[in-house]
């Protein structure tokens, strides 16, 4: 499992990539939990799961940081 901390707009998000062969990333933040993936054809990031009380978060910025730091699967 790979894990990194990403800082976006002075907020820290912990990103985990639990299974290296599956394009799903878990995001942990004090305001909630998210599970995201990247569409392999369009390249757009998509939220698969979020906690009920989680606030909106910068999906594009986090997705770009994941691409730069963890790499992505096609």
N, C-alpha and C. Protein backbone atom coordinates (compact mmCIF):
# COMPACT_ATOMS: atom_id res chain seq x y z
N UNK A 1 0.84 -1.18 0.00
CA UNK A 1 0.00 0.00 0.00
C UNK A 1 0.89 1.24 0.00
N UNK A 2 0.57 2.17 -0.87
CA UNK A 2 1.27 3.46 -0.92
C UNK A 2 0.42 4.50 -0.20
N UNK A 3 1.10 5.46 0.43
CA UNK A 3 0.39 6.50 1.16
C UNK A 3 1.19 7.79 1.10
N UNK A 4 0.48 8.92 0.90
CA UNK A 4 1.12 10.23 0.90
C UNK A 4 0.19 11.24 1.56
N UNK A 5 0.75 12.35 1.99
CA UNK A 5 -0.03 13.49 2.47
C UNK A 5 0.03 14.57 1.42
N UNK A 6 -1.12 15.13 1.09
CA UNK A 6 -1.22 16.18 0.08
C UNK A 6 -1.77 17.43 0.75
N UNK A 7 -1.12 18.57 0.49
CA UNK A 7 -1.59 19.84 1.02
C UNK A 7 -2.23 20.64 -0.10
N UNK A 8 -3.51 20.99 0.08
CA UNK A 8 -4.25 21.79 -0.89
C UNK A 8 -4.98 22.88 -0.12
N UNK A 9 -4.75 24.12 -0.48
CA UNK A 9 -5.40 25.26 0.18
C UNK A 9 -5.23 25.20 1.71
N UNK A 10 -4.03 24.92 2.15
CA UNK A 10 -3.68 24.84 3.57
C UNK A 10 -4.43 23.76 4.32
N UNK A 11 -4.95 22.77 3.62
CA UNK A 11 -5.60 21.61 4.22
C UNK A 11 -4.75 20.38 3.88
N UNK A 12 -4.64 19.45 4.83
CA UNK A 12 -3.86 18.24 4.61
C UNK A 12 -4.81 17.07 4.37
N UNK A 13 -4.56 16.35 3.28
CA UNK A 13 -5.34 15.17 2.93
C UNK A 13 -4.40 13.98 2.90
N UNK A 14 -4.76 12.90 3.57
CA UNK A 14 -3.98 11.67 3.51
C UNK A 14 -4.56 10.82 2.39
N UNK A 15 -3.71 10.41 1.47
CA UNK A 15 -4.14 9.62 0.32
C UNK A 15 -3.51 8.24 0.41
N UNK A 16 -4.33 7.21 0.31
CA UNK A 16 -3.85 5.83 0.32
C UNK A 16 -4.25 5.14 -0.98
N UNK A 17 -3.34 4.35 -1.48
CA UNK A 17 -3.60 3.51 -2.65
C UNK A 17 -3.40 2.07 -2.17
N UNK A 18 -4.49 1.45 -1.65
CA UNK A 18 -4.35 0.16 -0.97
C UNK A 18 -3.95 -1.02 -1.86
N UNK A 19 -4.43 -1.06 -3.09
CA UNK A 19 -4.13 -2.18 -3.98
C UNK A 19 -3.49 -1.62 -5.25
N UNK A 20 -2.26 -1.99 -5.50
CA UNK A 20 -1.51 -1.38 -6.61
C UNK A 20 -2.08 -1.68 -7.99
N UNK A 21 -2.88 -2.71 -8.13
CA UNK A 21 -3.43 -3.07 -9.43
C UNK A 21 -4.83 -2.51 -9.68
N UNK A 22 -5.37 -1.80 -8.71
CA UNK A 22 -6.72 -1.24 -8.84
C UNK A 22 -6.64 0.28 -8.71
N UNK A 23 -7.30 0.98 -9.60
CA UNK A 23 -7.24 2.44 -9.67
C UNK A 23 -8.25 3.11 -8.73
N UNK A 24 -8.14 2.79 -7.44
CA UNK A 24 -9.01 3.40 -6.43
C UNK A 24 -8.12 3.96 -5.33
N UNK A 25 -8.44 5.19 -4.93
CA UNK A 25 -7.65 5.89 -3.91
C UNK A 25 -8.56 6.30 -2.78
N UNK A 26 -8.09 6.13 -1.54
CA UNK A 26 -8.84 6.54 -0.35
C UNK A 26 -8.25 7.84 0.17
N UNK A 27 -9.13 8.80 0.43
CA UNK A 27 -8.72 10.12 0.91
C UNK A 27 -9.28 10.30 2.32
N UNK A 28 -8.40 10.62 3.27
CA UNK A 28 -8.81 10.86 4.64
C UNK A 28 -8.54 12.32 4.98
N UNK A 29 -9.55 12.95 5.58
CA UNK A 29 -9.46 14.36 5.96
C UNK A 29 -10.27 14.53 7.23
N UNK A 30 -9.96 15.55 8.00
CA UNK A 30 -10.70 15.77 9.25
C UNK A 30 -12.18 16.01 9.02
N UNK A 31 -12.57 16.45 7.82
CA UNK A 31 -13.97 16.70 7.51
C UNK A 31 -14.68 15.51 6.88
N UNK A 32 -13.95 14.42 6.61
CA UNK A 32 -14.62 13.26 6.03
C UNK A 32 -13.69 12.32 5.29
N UNK A 33 -14.28 11.27 4.76
CA UNK A 33 -13.57 10.22 4.03
C UNK A 33 -14.13 10.15 2.62
N UNK A 34 -13.24 9.94 1.66
CA UNK A 34 -13.64 9.85 0.26
C UNK A 34 -12.95 8.66 -0.39
N UNK A 35 -13.57 8.11 -1.38
CA UNK A 35 -12.94 7.10 -2.23
C UNK A 35 -13.10 7.61 -3.66
N UNK A 36 -11.99 7.71 -4.38
CA UNK A 36 -12.04 8.27 -5.73
C UNK A 36 -11.36 7.35 -6.73
N UNK A 37 -11.67 7.55 -7.99
CA UNK A 37 -11.03 6.81 -9.07
C UNK A 37 -10.87 7.75 -10.26
N UNK A 38 -10.08 7.32 -11.21
CA UNK A 38 -9.87 8.10 -12.43
C UNK A 38 -10.36 7.29 -13.62
N UNK A 39 -11.21 7.89 -14.44
CA UNK A 39 -11.71 7.23 -15.64
C UNK A 39 -10.56 7.03 -16.60
N UNK A 40 -10.32 5.80 -17.00
CA UNK A 40 -9.15 5.52 -17.83
C UNK A 40 -9.28 6.04 -19.25
N UNK A 41 -10.49 6.32 -19.71
CA UNK A 41 -10.68 6.81 -21.07
C UNK A 41 -10.68 8.33 -21.14
N UNK A 42 -11.41 8.97 -20.22
CA UNK A 42 -11.50 10.43 -20.26
C UNK A 42 -10.43 11.11 -19.41
N UNK A 43 -9.88 10.40 -18.43
CA UNK A 43 -8.88 10.99 -17.54
C UNK A 43 -9.48 11.83 -16.42
N UNK A 44 -10.81 11.85 -16.30
CA UNK A 44 -11.47 12.65 -15.27
C UNK A 44 -11.55 11.87 -13.96
N UNK A 45 -11.40 12.58 -12.86
CA UNK A 45 -11.52 11.99 -11.53
C UNK A 45 -12.97 11.99 -11.10
N UNK A 46 -13.34 10.97 -10.33
CA UNK A 46 -14.73 10.77 -9.94
C UNK A 46 -14.79 10.29 -8.49
N UNK A 47 -15.72 10.84 -7.71
CA UNK A 47 -15.93 10.40 -6.33
C UNK A 47 -16.83 9.16 -6.35
N UNK A 48 -16.35 8.08 -5.75
CA UNK A 48 -17.13 6.85 -5.67
C UNK A 48 -17.90 6.77 -4.36
N UNK A 49 -17.29 7.28 -3.29
CA UNK A 49 -17.88 7.16 -1.96
C UNK A 49 -17.42 8.33 -1.11
N UNK A 50 -18.31 8.85 -0.31
CA UNK A 50 -17.92 9.87 0.66
C UNK A 50 -18.81 9.74 1.87
N UNK A 51 -18.27 10.11 3.02
CA UNK A 51 -19.06 10.03 4.24
C UNK A 51 -20.18 11.06 4.17
N UNK A 52 -21.22 10.78 4.86
CA UNK A 52 -22.42 11.60 4.81
C UNK A 52 -22.17 13.05 5.22
N UNK A 53 -21.31 13.24 6.21
CA UNK A 53 -21.06 14.59 6.71
C UNK A 53 -19.83 15.24 6.08
N UNK A 54 -19.26 14.65 5.05
CA UNK A 54 -18.05 15.21 4.44
C UNK A 54 -18.37 16.45 3.61
N UNK A 55 -17.49 17.39 3.66
CA UNK A 55 -17.64 18.64 2.89
C UNK A 55 -17.07 18.45 1.50
N UNK A 56 -17.37 19.40 0.62
CA UNK A 56 -16.77 19.35 -0.71
C UNK A 56 -15.26 19.48 -0.59
N UNK A 57 -14.56 18.89 -1.51
CA UNK A 57 -13.11 18.98 -1.49
C UNK A 57 -12.59 19.14 -2.91
N UNK A 58 -11.35 19.62 -3.06
CA UNK A 58 -10.79 19.93 -4.38
C UNK A 58 -10.36 18.68 -5.14
N UNK A 59 -11.31 18.02 -5.77
CA UNK A 59 -11.05 16.76 -6.46
C UNK A 59 -9.98 16.90 -7.53
N UNK A 60 -10.04 17.95 -8.33
CA UNK A 60 -9.06 18.14 -9.39
C UNK A 60 -7.64 18.31 -8.87
N UNK A 61 -7.49 19.10 -7.83
CA UNK A 61 -6.17 19.33 -7.25
C UNK A 61 -5.60 18.06 -6.61
N UNK A 62 -6.45 17.33 -5.93
CA UNK A 62 -6.00 16.08 -5.31
C UNK A 62 -5.67 15.06 -6.39
N UNK A 63 -6.50 14.97 -7.42
CA UNK A 63 -6.22 14.04 -8.53
C UNK A 63 -4.90 14.35 -9.20
N UNK A 64 -4.62 15.62 -9.43
CA UNK A 64 -3.36 16.01 -10.06
C UNK A 64 -2.17 15.64 -9.17
N UNK A 65 -2.31 15.86 -7.86
CA UNK A 65 -1.24 15.49 -6.93
C UNK A 65 -1.02 13.98 -6.90
N UNK A 66 -2.09 13.21 -7.00
CA UNK A 66 -1.96 11.75 -7.06
C UNK A 66 -1.19 11.35 -8.31
N UNK A 67 -1.55 11.94 -9.45
CA UNK A 67 -0.87 11.62 -10.70
C UNK A 67 0.62 11.93 -10.60
N UNK A 68 0.97 13.05 -9.97
CA UNK A 68 2.37 13.46 -9.86
C UNK A 68 3.16 12.65 -8.85
N UNK A 69 2.52 12.23 -7.74
CA UNK A 69 3.24 11.60 -6.66
C UNK A 69 3.10 10.09 -6.56
N UNK A 70 1.95 9.56 -6.90
CA UNK A 70 1.75 8.11 -6.79
C UNK A 70 1.74 7.41 -8.14
N UNK A 71 1.48 8.16 -9.19
CA UNK A 71 1.30 7.52 -10.48
C UNK A 71 -0.12 7.02 -10.59
N UNK A 72 -0.54 6.72 -11.80
CA UNK A 72 -1.91 6.24 -12.02
C UNK A 72 -1.90 5.02 -12.90
N UNK A 73 -2.96 4.27 -12.83
CA UNK A 73 -3.12 3.10 -13.69
C UNK A 73 -4.03 3.46 -14.83
N UNK A 74 -3.77 2.94 -16.01
CA UNK A 74 -4.65 3.19 -17.15
C UNK A 74 -5.60 2.05 -17.34
